[in-house]
Amino acid sequence: MDLAIRRGATVQDLLVHERRVTSAERDAIAENLRRHEIDFYHGVASFTGPHTLSVAGDAGNPVLLQADVILIATGSSPRRPEFFPFQDRRVWDSDQIVNMDFMPGRMAVIGGGVIGCEYACVFAALGVDVWLVDNRTELLDFLDRDVWAVLKSAMESLGVRFFTGETVVECATQPESLALTLASGRTVEAD
């Protein structure tokens, strides 16, 4: 199984490709909604009753929507622990990283969920030394264990190193690197 992409790829190459893929996916979703005659409302919603939502959009007046069943699918947002210095240009959350303007030599990915594993693979495939740190001992536990074993092996073949059962307790900025201290006392240095 070959997960590698062109080793000489730059951050700009990655970002251009990501924007193309994201744009194509948005267009496909919009076309699918249109084809199936599904109304789409973009805005901030709040319940006004057990079966009624008020959606305040850009147009001004809120739209009231009523249904027997309302599914809330808000997506996710990154967690930002206070001890990570997000004001430092070398510390990114999963939403911000697509705006990265340099390629690090070493990267620590904190969190081994779907998004963390995805970024670990992408950057490892680009030639970055990647450490994946997660407090769980079993990552992606919703997967069949045989599937996870194949995925983990592929990630390791890309160069991803795992620190499972570990928690980051400190992130110290240094002039040339960031130093992560793990609860076990181990340290990881990253760019």
Protein backbone atom coordinates (compact mmCIF):
# COMPACT_ATOMS: atom_id res chain seq x y z
CA MET A 1 0.00 0.00 0.00
CA ASP A 2 1.67 3.23 -1.14
CA LEU A 3 0.51 6.30 0.79
CA ALA A 4 3.43 8.53 -0.25
CA ILE A 5 3.10 11.65 -2.33
CA ARG A 6 5.82 13.55 -4.13
CA ARG A 7 8.67 14.09 -1.62
CA GLY A 8 9.58 17.47 -3.11
CA ALA A 9 6.09 18.86 -2.55
CA THR A 10 5.97 22.21 -0.82
CA VAL A 11 3.44 23.60 1.61
CA GLN A 12 2.13 25.73 -1.26
CA ASP A 13 1.66 22.59 -3.42
CA LEU A 14 -0.26 20.99 -0.58
CA LEU A 15 -2.41 24.08 0.00
CA VAL A 16 -3.24 24.52 -3.70
CA HIS A 17 -4.27 20.87 -3.89
CA GLU A 18 -6.30 21.13 -0.65
CA ARG A 19 -8.16 24.19 -1.93
CA ARG A 20 -8.94 22.46 -5.25
CA VAL A 21 -10.24 19.35 -3.50
CA THR A 22 -12.26 21.39 -0.97
CA SER A 23 -13.80 23.52 -3.73
CA ALA A 24 -14.70 20.45 -5.80
CA GLU A 25 -16.29 18.78 -2.75
CA ARG A 26 -18.33 21.89 -1.90
CA ASP A 27 -19.53 22.11 -5.50
CA ALA A 28 -20.46 18.40 -5.51
CA ILE A 29 -22.38 18.75 -2.24
CA ALA A 30 -24.22 21.86 -3.46
CA GLU A 31 -25.12 20.09 -6.72
CA ASN A 32 -26.34 17.01 -4.83
CA LEU A 33 -28.54 19.19 -2.58
CA ARG A 34 -29.94 21.02 -5.63
CA ARG A 35 -30.56 17.79 -7.58
CA HIS A 36 -32.50 16.28 -4.67
CA GLU A 37 -34.39 19.56 -4.11
CA ILE A 38 -33.08 19.94 -0.57
CA ASP A 39 -33.29 23.43 0.91
CA PHE A 40 -30.09 24.67 2.51
CA TYR A 41 -30.04 27.40 5.17
CA HIS A 42 -26.75 28.92 6.26
CA GLY A 43 -26.71 30.82 9.53
CA VAL A 44 -26.91 30.60 13.30
CA ALA A 45 -29.81 28.48 14.53
CA SER A 46 -31.56 28.26 17.87
CA PHE A 47 -34.54 26.29 19.09
CA THR A 48 -37.71 28.30 19.64
CA GLY A 49 -39.73 25.20 20.50
CA PRO A 50 -39.37 21.41 20.56
CA HIS A 51 -39.86 21.17 16.77
CA THR A 52 -38.97 24.69 15.60
CA LEU A 53 -35.66 26.32 14.71
CA SER A 54 -35.00 29.96 14.04
CA VAL A 55 -32.14 30.44 11.56
CA ALA A 56 -30.58 33.89 11.45
CA GLY A 57 -28.75 34.21 8.16
CA ASP A 58 -26.90 36.95 6.32
CA ALA A 59 -30.15 38.32 4.81
CA GLY A 60 -31.35 39.67 8.14
CA ASN A 61 -34.79 38.25 8.97
CA PRO A 62 -34.65 34.86 10.68
CA VAL A 63 -36.26 31.88 8.96
CA LEU A 64 -38.45 29.58 11.08
CA LEU A 65 -38.13 25.88 10.26
CA GLN A 66 -40.40 23.19 11.66
CA ALA A 67 -39.89 19.42 11.58
CA ASP A 68 -40.82 16.30 13.49
CA VAL A 69 -37.15 15.32 13.67
CA ILE A 70 -34.22 17.75 13.81
CA LEU A 71 -30.70 16.39 13.34
CA ILE A 72 -27.91 18.55 14.75
CA ALA A 73 -24.62 18.01 12.89
CA THR A 74 -22.36 20.91 13.82
CA GLY A 75 -19.03 19.40 12.79
CA SER A 76 -16.08 19.68 15.09
CA SER A 77 -13.76 22.34 16.37
CA PRO A 78 -10.24 21.90 17.69
CA ARG A 79 -9.48 21.84 21.39
CA ARG A 80 -6.93 24.47 22.44
CA PRO A 81 -5.39 23.64 25.83
CA GLU A 82 -4.21 26.79 27.62
CA PHE A 83 -0.59 25.72 28.04
CA PHE A 84 -0.02 25.57 24.27
CA PRO A 85 1.32 28.94 23.06
CA PHE A 86 -0.98 29.41 20.06
CA GLN A 87 0.40 32.92 19.61
CA ASP A 88 3.69 31.31 18.48
CA ARG A 89 3.79 30.87 14.68
CA ARG A 90 4.95 27.26 15.17
CA VAL A 91 1.84 26.13 17.10
CA TRP A 92 -1.26 25.39 15.02
CA ASP A 93 -4.65 23.81 15.59
CA SER A 94 -6.23 21.50 13.03
CA ASP A 95 -8.25 24.32 11.43
CA GLN A 96 -5.29 26.71 11.13
CA ILE A 97 -2.71 24.27 9.79
CA VAL A 98 -3.98 24.58 6.21
CA ASN A 99 -2.59 28.14 6.33
CA MET A 100 0.92 27.02 7.29
CA ASP A 101 3.49 28.85 5.16
CA PHE A 102 6.59 26.73 5.89
CA MET A 103 7.49 23.06 5.95
CA PRO A 104 8.75 21.91 9.36
CA GLY A 105 11.45 19.28 9.65
CA ARG A 106 9.89 17.80 12.81
CA MET A 107 6.26 17.91 13.86
CA ALA A 108 4.36 16.70 16.91
CA VAL A 109 0.69 15.95 16.32
CA ILE A 110 -1.28 15.95 19.57
CA GLY A 111 -4.36 13.75 19.32
CA GLY A 112 -4.66 10.47 17.47
CA GLY A 113 -8.23 10.79 16.26
CA VAL A 114 -9.21 10.83 12.60
CA ILE A 115 -7.95 14.36 11.96
CA GLY A 116 -4.71 13.88 13.92
CA CYS A 117 -3.94 10.64 12.07
CA GLU A 118 -4.76 12.32 8.76
CA TYR A 119 -2.34 15.21 9.36
CA ALA A 120 0.33 12.84 10.69
CA CYS A 121 0.12 10.86 7.44
CA VAL A 122 0.10 13.92 5.19
CA PHE A 123 3.15 15.52 6.78
CA ALA A 124 5.05 12.24 7.10
CA ALA A 125 4.40 11.61 3.39
CA LEU A 126 5.89 15.05 2.70
CA GLY A 127 9.09 14.00 4.48
CA VAL A 128 8.46 15.58 7.89
CA ASP A 129 9.53 13.61 11.00
CA VAL A 130 6.21 13.14 12.82
CA TRP A 131 5.49 12.14 16.41
CA LEU A 132 1.83 11.34 17.17
CA VAL A 133 0.97 11.78 20.86
CA ASP A 134 -2.31 10.59 22.36
CA ASN A 135 -3.41 9.73 25.88
CA ARG A 136 -5.30 6.66 24.66
CA THR A 137 -3.51 3.35 24.19
CA GLU A 138 -5.87 2.30 21.35
CA LEU A 139 -6.29 4.83 18.53
CA LEU A 140 -9.27 4.92 16.18
CA ASP A 141 -10.99 2.28 18.30
CA PHE A 142 -14.11 2.41 16.09
CA LEU A 143 -12.10 0.59 13.40
CA ASP A 144 -11.79 -3.16 13.17
CA ARG A 145 -8.49 -4.01 14.90
CA ASP A 146 -7.15 -5.73 11.75
CA VAL A 147 -7.89 -2.59 9.72
CA TRP A 148 -6.19 -0.46 12.38
CA ALA A 149 -3.13 -2.75 12.33
CA VAL A 150 -2.75 -2.26 8.55
CA LEU A 151 -3.26 1.52 8.87
CA LYS A 152 -0.78 1.79 11.75
CA SER A 153 1.79 -0.25 9.83
CA ALA A 154 1.36 2.03 6.79
CA MET A 155 1.74 5.10 9.02
CA GLU A 156 4.89 3.66 10.59
CA SER A 157 6.27 2.94 7.11
CA LEU A 158 5.82 6.64 6.36
CA GLY A 159 7.86 7.39 9.48
CA VAL A 160 5.12 8.28 11.99
CA ARG A 161 6.24 7.48 15.54
CA PHE A 162 3.57 6.85 18.16
CA PHE A 163 3.53 7.96 21.80
CA THR A 164 0.30 6.38 23.05
CA GLY A 165 -0.85 6.43 26.66
CA GLU A 166 0.94 9.79 26.92
CA THR A 167 -0.34 13.24 27.83
CA VAL A 168 1.39 16.52 27.05
CA VAL A 169 1.78 18.52 30.26
CA GLU A 170 3.91 21.40 28.97
CA CYS A 171 4.86 23.07 25.70
CA ALA A 172 7.91 25.31 26.05
CA THR A 173 9.07 27.62 23.28
CA GLN A 174 12.75 27.71 22.52
CA PRO A 175 14.46 29.79 19.83
CA GLU A 176 15.01 26.82 17.50
CA SER A 177 12.24 24.43 18.55
CA LEU A 178 9.27 23.64 20.76
CA ALA A 179 9.81 21.25 23.66
CA LEU A 180 6.89 19.08 24.71
CA THR A 181 7.04 17.48 28.12
CA LEU A 182 4.94 14.33 28.48
CA ALA A 183 3.41 13.10 31.75
CA SER A 184 5.88 10.20 31.74
CA GLY A 185 8.77 12.70 31.80
CA ARG A 186 9.74 12.03 28.18
CA THR A 187 10.32 15.04 25.97
CA VAL A 188 9.67 15.58 22.28
CA GLU A 189 11.25 18.42 20.32
CA ALA A 190 9.49 19.71 17.24
CA ASP A 191 9.66 22.61 14.82
